[in-house]
Protein backbone atom coordinates (compact mmCIF):
# COMPACT_ATOMS: atom_id res chain seq x y z
CA MET A 1 105.24 125.06 82.69
CA PHE A 2 107.34 123.38 85.50
CA ASN A 3 105.10 120.45 85.67
CA ARG A 4 105.14 119.95 81.77
CA GLU A 5 108.98 120.18 81.58
CA THR A 6 109.83 118.08 84.42
CA ARG A 7 106.99 115.31 84.49
CA THR A 8 108.63 112.88 82.01
CA LYS A 9 111.94 113.08 83.58
CA ALA A 10 110.72 112.55 87.26
CA LYS A 11 108.44 109.63 86.02
CA ARG A 12 106.78 108.49 89.39
CA PHE A 13 108.93 110.59 91.77
CA TYR A 14 108.39 113.84 93.45
CA ARG A 15 110.00 117.09 92.20
CA LEU A 16 110.88 120.02 94.20
CA PHE A 17 109.69 123.52 93.13
CA ILE A 18 111.31 126.46 94.80
CA LEU A 19 109.58 129.91 94.73
CA ASN A 20 109.18 132.95 96.95
CA GLY A 21 106.06 133.26 99.11
CA HIS A 22 104.48 136.21 97.34
CA GLY A 23 100.81 135.98 97.80
CA SER A 24 99.94 136.01 94.23
CA TYR A 25 101.84 132.80 93.79
CA VAL A 26 100.59 130.55 96.56
CA THR A 27 96.89 129.77 96.45
CA ILE A 28 94.84 126.67 97.76
CA ASP A 29 94.33 125.83 94.12
CA PHE A 30 98.05 125.85 93.40
CA ILE A 31 98.98 123.75 96.41
CA LYS A 32 96.18 121.18 95.45
CA TYR A 33 97.60 121.18 91.89
CA CYS A 34 100.99 120.61 93.30
CA ASN A 35 99.89 117.87 95.67
CA ASN A 36 97.98 116.05 92.66
CA ASN A 37 101.01 116.04 90.51
CA ARG A 38 103.68 114.93 93.00
CA ILE A 39 105.35 118.53 93.35
CA LEU A 40 107.03 119.55 96.70
CA LEU A 41 107.07 123.15 97.36
CA ALA A 42 109.80 125.03 99.11
CA ILE A 43 108.23 128.35 99.68
CA TYR A 44 110.75 131.31 100.80
CA PRO A 45 109.32 134.45 102.49
CA PRO A 46 108.79 137.06 100.04
CA TYR A 47 111.60 139.72 99.47
CA VAL A 48 114.32 137.58 100.97
CA THR A 49 114.99 134.90 98.24
CA TYR A 50 118.30 136.61 97.27
CA THR A 51 119.75 135.64 100.82
CA LEU A 52 117.96 132.31 101.28
CA GLN A 53 117.47 130.93 97.78
CA PRO A 54 120.36 128.49 97.13
CA LEU A 55 120.26 128.95 93.22
CA ASN A 56 120.53 132.71 93.41
CA VAL A 57 123.85 132.30 95.67
CA CYS A 58 125.35 129.07 94.24
CA MET A 59 124.37 129.32 90.50
CA PHE A 60 122.92 132.75 89.33
CA LYS A 61 125.72 135.04 90.97
CA PRO A 62 128.62 133.05 89.37
CA LEU A 63 126.65 133.05 85.94
CA LEU A 64 125.84 136.77 86.16
CA THR A 65 129.69 137.52 86.92
CA ALA A 66 130.63 135.49 83.88
CA TYR A 67 128.25 137.11 81.77
CA LEU A 68 129.04 140.54 82.71
CA ALA A 69 132.82 139.70 82.09
CA ALA A 70 131.93 138.30 78.73
CA LEU A 71 129.84 141.28 77.89
CA ALA A 72 132.46 143.61 78.95
CA ASN A 73 135.17 141.93 76.99
CA TYR A 74 132.86 141.93 73.88
CA MET A 75 132.28 145.66 74.38
CA ASP A 76 136.11 146.29 74.59
CA ARG A 77 136.71 144.37 71.30
CA CYS A 78 134.05 146.15 69.39
C-alpha cells in the first residue's frame, strides 16, 4: 500500500518508510522489495515506538488530544 500510494508523488526519488522492528514486518524479501522500489527504511526497536517515533510524539498525540476534546464536547451537547 505504501509503495502504491507514494510512488507517483515521489517519481524517481527515494521515500522514507518508518516502522517498528517487530519480526513479522522485517524480512529479507521485504528489504529487497524496498531496495528495488527506492524505499528507505527507518526501523525502530519493537515496543519503544511511542518514545522514539517522531510521528507519535509530534503528530498523533496532538491529534488524539483534539479528537478526545471534540468527542467530549459532542457528548456534552448530546
